[in-house]
Protein backbone atom coordinates (compact mmCIF):
# COMPACT_ATOMS: atom_id res chain seq x y z
CA MET A 1 -129.15 -73.86 -83.46
CA GLN A 2 -132.63 -74.42 -84.88
CA PHE A 3 -131.17 -74.67 -88.35
CA LEU A 4 -128.65 -77.25 -87.30
CA ARG A 5 -131.37 -79.25 -85.62
CA SER A 6 -133.50 -79.14 -88.72
CA SER A 7 -130.60 -80.10 -90.98
CA TRP A 8 -129.84 -83.16 -88.80
CA LEU A 9 -133.49 -84.18 -88.90
CA VAL A 10 -133.50 -83.91 -92.71
CA LEU A 11 -130.30 -85.92 -92.93
CA LEU A 12 -131.55 -88.59 -90.54
CA ALA A 13 -134.90 -88.84 -92.48
CA THR A 14 -132.91 -89.16 -95.72
CA VAL A 15 -130.72 -92.01 -94.29
CA ILE A 16 -133.77 -93.82 -92.97
CA GLY A 17 -135.61 -93.40 -96.34
CA VAL A 18 -132.63 -94.65 -98.28
CA GLY A 19 -132.28 -97.62 -95.93
CA LEU A 20 -135.92 -98.58 -96.15
CA PHE A 21 -135.78 -98.32 -99.92
CA TRP A 22 -132.54 -100.41 -100.10
CA PHE A 23 -133.84 -103.17 -97.76
CA ARG A 24 -137.37 -103.30 -99.17
CA PRO A 25 -138.89 -106.75 -99.68
CA GLY A 26 -138.41 -107.84 -103.26
CA GLY A 27 -135.98 -104.83 -103.93
CA ILE A 28 -133.39 -106.97 -105.68
CA GLU A 29 -134.33 -108.26 -109.14
CA GLY A 30 -133.76 -111.99 -109.49
CA PRO A 31 -133.43 -113.89 -112.78
CA ARG A 32 -135.53 -112.55 -115.63
CA VAL A 33 -136.55 -114.64 -118.65
CA THR A 34 -138.98 -114.51 -121.54
CA PRO A 35 -142.43 -115.78 -120.43
CA VAL A 36 -143.47 -119.11 -121.88
CA ALA A 37 -147.26 -119.45 -122.50
CA ALA A 38 -148.82 -122.54 -120.99
CA GLU A 39 -150.15 -125.21 -123.33
CA GLY A 40 -153.03 -127.53 -123.00
CA LYS A 41 -155.39 -127.36 -119.99
CA GLY A 42 -153.14 -127.75 -117.01
CA PHE A 43 -149.49 -126.95 -116.27
CA GLU A 44 -146.63 -128.96 -117.42
CA HIS A 45 -143.60 -129.62 -115.06
CA ASP A 46 -141.58 -131.69 -117.56
CA ALA A 47 -138.98 -128.92 -118.03
CA PHE A 48 -138.25 -128.97 -114.23
CA ASP A 49 -137.78 -132.73 -114.50
CA ARG A 50 -135.07 -132.07 -117.02
CA VAL A 51 -133.52 -129.45 -114.71
CA LEU A 52 -133.34 -131.90 -111.90
CA ALA A 53 -131.91 -134.65 -114.11
CA GLN A 54 -129.30 -132.21 -115.35
CA ALA A 55 -128.21 -130.62 -112.03
CA LEU A 56 -129.11 -132.86 -109.07
CA LYS A 57 -126.12 -135.09 -108.25
CA ALA A 58 -126.21 -138.51 -106.54
CA ASP A 59 -124.87 -137.01 -103.25
CA GLY A 60 -127.77 -134.57 -103.18
CA THR A 61 -125.83 -131.49 -104.12
CA VAL A 62 -126.57 -129.25 -107.10
CA ASP A 63 -124.30 -129.04 -110.09
CA TYR A 64 -124.55 -125.20 -110.63
CA ALA A 65 -121.71 -125.41 -113.19
CA ALA A 66 -123.82 -127.65 -115.43
CA LEU A 67 -126.68 -125.28 -115.29
CA ALA A 68 -124.48 -122.30 -115.95
CA LYS A 69 -123.15 -124.11 -118.93
CA ASP A 70 -126.62 -124.90 -120.36
CA ARG A 71 -129.55 -122.94 -118.95
CA THR A 72 -132.07 -124.10 -121.67
CA HIS A 73 -134.37 -126.18 -119.43
CA LEU A 74 -134.04 -123.99 -116.38
CA ASP A 75 -134.97 -120.77 -118.33
CA HIS A 76 -137.77 -122.52 -120.05
CA TYR A 77 -139.29 -123.61 -116.73
CA LEU A 78 -138.75 -120.14 -115.30
CA GLY A 79 -140.54 -118.81 -118.28
CA GLN A 80 -143.49 -121.01 -117.68
CA LEU A 81 -143.61 -119.89 -114.07
CA ALA A 82 -143.39 -116.29 -115.06
CA ALA A 83 -146.36 -116.55 -117.37
CA THR A 84 -148.70 -118.81 -115.37
CA ALA A 85 -149.54 -119.45 -111.75
CA PRO A 86 -152.60 -120.31 -109.72
CA GLY A 87 -153.11 -116.59 -109.01
CA ASN A 88 -153.62 -115.56 -112.63
CA ALA A 89 -154.74 -118.76 -114.21
CA GLY A 90 -156.70 -120.60 -111.57
CA HIS A 91 -158.50 -122.65 -114.13
CA ARG A 92 -155.31 -124.59 -114.77
CA PHE A 93 -155.02 -125.68 -111.19
CA LYS A 94 -158.27 -127.36 -110.41
CA THR A 95 -157.36 -128.93 -107.07
CA ASN A 96 -155.47 -127.81 -104.03
CA ASP A 97 -152.88 -130.55 -104.72
CA ASP A 98 -152.28 -129.04 -108.12
CA ARG A 99 -151.49 -125.76 -106.51
CA LEU A 100 -149.21 -127.38 -103.87
CA ALA A 101 -147.19 -129.19 -106.51
CA TYR A 102 -146.85 -125.92 -108.51
CA TYR A 103 -145.65 -123.93 -105.52
CA VAL A 104 -143.15 -126.49 -104.15
CA ASN A 105 -141.65 -126.99 -107.66
CA ALA A 106 -141.51 -123.15 -108.15
CA TYR A 107 -139.83 -122.65 -104.90
CA ASN A 108 -137.06 -125.22 -105.50
CA ALA A 109 -136.67 -123.84 -109.10
CA PHE A 110 -136.38 -120.26 -107.87
CA VAL A 111 -133.78 -121.18 -105.22
CA ILE A 112 -131.61 -123.00 -107.91
CA ALA A 113 -132.01 -120.05 -110.28
CA GLY A 114 -131.45 -117.39 -107.58
CA VAL A 115 -128.20 -119.04 -106.43
CA LEU A 116 -127.00 -119.32 -109.98
CA ASP A 117 -127.87 -115.52 -110.57
CA GLN A 118 -126.15 -114.49 -107.35
CA CYS A 119 -123.02 -116.48 -107.62
CA PRO A 120 -120.50 -116.34 -106.01
CA VAL A 121 -122.46 -117.66 -102.95
CA SER A 122 -120.98 -119.66 -100.15
CA ASP A 123 -123.73 -119.29 -97.42
CA VAL A 124 -127.26 -118.64 -98.64
CA ASN A 125 -128.56 -117.28 -95.37
CA ALA A 126 -125.62 -114.80 -94.99
CA HIS A 127 -125.41 -113.92 -98.66
CA LEU A 128 -127.70 -110.94 -98.44
CA MET A 129 -127.93 -109.24 -95.02
CA GLY A 130 -130.67 -110.56 -92.77
CA GLY A 131 -131.45 -113.62 -94.85
CA GLY A 132 -132.30 -111.33 -97.73
CA PHE A 133 -131.95 -114.09 -100.26
CA PHE A 134 -135.37 -115.22 -99.15
CA TRP A 135 -137.21 -111.88 -98.90
CA ARG A 136 -135.25 -109.29 -100.96
CA LEU A 137 -134.67 -111.26 -104.09
CA SER A 138 -137.69 -111.12 -106.45
CA PHE A 139 -138.87 -113.71 -108.96
CA GLN A 140 -141.39 -113.68 -111.73
CA MET A 141 -144.60 -115.86 -111.00
CA GLY A 142 -147.84 -115.48 -112.88
CA GLN A 143 -147.04 -112.10 -114.50
CA ALA A 144 -146.06 -110.64 -111.08
CA ASP A 145 -143.11 -110.46 -108.80
CA THR A 146 -142.83 -112.61 -105.73
CA THR A 147 -140.25 -113.50 -103.09
CA LEU A 148 -139.32 -116.84 -101.66
CA SER A 149 -140.90 -115.77 -98.36
CA ASP A 150 -144.14 -114.87 -100.10
CA LEU A 151 -144.17 -118.14 -101.95
CA GLU A 152 -143.59 -120.04 -98.61
CA GLY A 153 -146.82 -118.42 -97.34
CA LEU A 154 -148.64 -119.73 -100.32
CA ILE A 155 -147.19 -123.19 -99.74
CA ARG A 156 -148.25 -123.26 -96.07
CA SER A 157 -151.86 -122.36 -97.09
CA ALA A 158 -151.85 -125.20 -99.64
CA MET A 159 -149.97 -127.89 -97.72
CA GLY A 160 -153.13 -129.12 -95.86
CA GLY A 161 -151.23 -130.17 -92.79
CA ASP A 162 -148.76 -132.36 -94.71
CA ALA A 163 -145.52 -131.53 -92.82
CA ALA A 164 -143.60 -133.58 -95.34
CA VAL A 165 -143.65 -130.48 -97.47
CA ARG A 166 -141.08 -128.91 -95.25
CA LEU A 167 -138.55 -131.63 -96.12
CA ALA A 168 -139.24 -131.10 -99.79
CA LEU A 169 -138.25 -127.41 -99.80
CA ASN A 170 -134.62 -127.03 -100.49
CA LYS A 171 -133.23 -123.61 -99.50
CA GLY A 172 -129.85 -124.00 -101.17
CA ALA A 173 -128.06 -125.12 -98.05
CA LYS A 174 -126.45 -128.44 -97.09
CA GLY A 175 -128.56 -128.70 -93.98
CA PHE A 176 -131.64 -129.28 -95.97
CA PRO A 177 -132.60 -132.43 -97.84
CA PRO A 178 -132.09 -132.24 -101.59
CA PRO A 179 -135.21 -131.41 -103.49
CA PRO A 180 -137.28 -134.32 -104.81
CA ALA A 181 -135.57 -135.88 -107.80
CA LYS A 182 -138.77 -135.65 -109.85
CA ALA A 183 -141.05 -132.63 -110.11
CA LEU A 184 -144.18 -132.94 -107.96
CA ARG A 185 -147.52 -133.53 -109.75
CA GLY A 186 -150.87 -132.71 -108.35
CA ASP A 187 -152.36 -136.25 -108.65
CA THR A 188 -149.44 -137.85 -106.87
CA VAL A 189 -148.01 -135.02 -104.74
CA HIS A 190 -148.67 -136.53 -101.24
CA ALA A 191 -147.27 -139.91 -102.25
CA GLN A 192 -144.22 -138.18 -103.64
CA LEU A 193 -143.86 -136.11 -100.48
CA ALA A 194 -144.09 -139.20 -98.30
CA GLU A 195 -141.53 -141.11 -100.32
CA HIS A 196 -139.11 -138.10 -100.32
CA ALA A 197 -139.65 -137.61 -96.51
CA GLN A 198 -138.76 -141.21 -95.70
CA ALA A 199 -135.55 -140.89 -97.75
CA ALA A 200 -134.74 -137.49 -96.11
CA LEU A 201 -135.03 -138.96 -92.60
CA ARG A 202 -132.21 -141.33 -93.43
CA LEU A 203 -129.84 -138.39 -94.04
CA PRO A 204 -127.48 -137.60 -91.19
CA GLN A 205 -128.22 -133.89 -91.37
CA ILE A 206 -131.88 -134.65 -90.82
CA ALA A 207 -131.88 -137.35 -88.19
CA ARG A 208 -129.25 -139.64 -86.76
CA VAL A 209 -128.89 -141.71 -83.53
CA GLU A 210 -125.97 -141.03 -81.20
CA GLY A 211 -126.16 -143.20 -78.14
CA ASP A 212 -129.42 -142.52 -76.35
CA THR A 213 -130.00 -139.32 -78.37
CA VAL A 214 -131.56 -138.68 -81.73
CA ILE A 215 -129.87 -135.61 -83.23
CA VAL A 216 -132.55 -133.96 -85.42
CA SER A 217 -132.46 -131.03 -87.81
CA LYS A 218 -133.47 -127.62 -86.65
CA ILE A 219 -136.10 -127.84 -89.42
CA PHE A 220 -138.21 -129.70 -86.79
CA GLU A 221 -137.76 -126.77 -84.38
CA TRP A 222 -138.46 -123.95 -86.85
CA TYR A 223 -141.60 -125.78 -88.13
CA ALA A 224 -142.76 -127.30 -84.91
CA ARG A 225 -146.31 -126.17 -85.35
CA ASP A 226 -146.35 -128.33 -88.60
CA PHE A 227 -144.43 -131.43 -87.26
CA GLY A 228 -145.48 -131.44 -83.58
CA ASP A 229 -142.88 -133.26 -81.58
CA ALA A 230 -140.08 -134.56 -83.93
CA LEU A 231 -139.68 -138.10 -82.75
CA PRO A 232 -143.44 -139.14 -82.99
CA TRP A 233 -143.59 -137.49 -86.42
CA ILE A 234 -140.47 -139.46 -87.53
CA GLU A 235 -141.94 -142.72 -86.20
CA ARG A 236 -145.27 -142.11 -88.08
CA THR A 237 -143.43 -141.28 -91.27
CA ALA A 238 -140.67 -143.99 -91.18
CA PRO A 239 -141.76 -146.62 -88.73
CA GLY A 240 -138.95 -148.43 -86.98
CA LEU A 241 -136.26 -145.97 -88.16
CA ILE A 242 -135.57 -144.71 -84.64
CA PRO A 243 -135.20 -147.21 -81.82
CA PRO A 244 -137.61 -146.62 -78.85
CA GLY A 245 -136.60 -144.81 -75.67
CA LYS A 246 -134.54 -142.11 -77.36
CA THR A 247 -134.61 -138.42 -76.61
CA ALA A 248 -134.28 -135.72 -79.26
CA ARG A 249 -131.73 -132.91 -79.51
CA TYR A 250 -131.55 -130.29 -82.23
CA ASP A 251 -128.48 -130.25 -84.42
CA ASP A 252 -126.41 -127.21 -85.56
CA PHE A 253 -127.56 -126.16 -88.91
CA ASP A 254 -125.25 -126.03 -91.94
CA TRP A 255 -126.18 -123.05 -94.20
CA SER A 256 -123.25 -123.56 -96.51
CA LEU A 257 -124.19 -123.86 -100.25
CA ASN A 258 -125.31 -127.27 -101.44
CA GLY A 259 -122.91 -127.22 -104.32
CA ALA A 260 -120.30 -124.98 -105.74
CA CYS A 261 -120.69 -121.79 -107.85
CA PRO A 262 -119.02 -122.05 -111.34
C-alpha cells in the first residue's frame, strides 16, 4: 500500500512538473530573425512604417497574406528590435517618450509577427490556452526574450498617464482599433496618440450611440484605472462626439482575428 501511494505521488508530481514546464511564461518560441545592429545615435522606425504601409488595409484589418508573401520589411524591423532596446542600449532612448514610442511599435510589430508565425489563427485570445498568445509566446527584444505581457508592463511604466496608449495597442482582434498607420516617434508620440485616439473613438467597436446609451468597448472597463470613467474621457479626447445626457454600457468584445491567415 505504501508503495502504491508513493508511486501515485511520483506520478502526480511528474504530471504537475510537465504541466508547469509546458505552460511556463515565454515557453513557446515566437518568430526568430537575424539581429540588425542599430545605426546612428537613436533608433529608426522607418522599417515599421513600411510594414504598416504594406499590410494595414483601409478598413483597419491586416493583410497577413501580403506579409507572408514578402517578409522583408517585417523581418528587418524584428531584427532591429532583437538587437536593440531601451534595456540594453539606454543611450539610444534619451527620453521617456522615446521609450514609449519604441515599446508601442514593438508591441504592434510583435502581434503582427506572432499571428503570422502562428497561423492558422481565428481567435487570438483562444488560440493558445488561457490567452497564451500574450504570455506564452516569446519574442526577441534587446538581446533577450520577452512576452507581450512583459512588454505591456513596460508600456504602462512609460505611458505617463496617457490612456490613449491603450487605443494604440492592437492585440490582433477586430475589437481593438487598428494600430496607428505610422510608426510612433518619440518627439511626436503624444500628438500621434491623441490623433489616433480621436479616430478610434469614431469606430463602432469602440464607441457608438444607441438611443440614450453609449455602447463602449470593454477596453474602457479593462483599463479603467487608466481611463477613469469612459464618457468623461471620451469627451475630453473628442469633444462633442457624444451628445450629453447619455449613459454608458460595455459592449461584447470581438476577439476574432483582424484579418485572414494566408
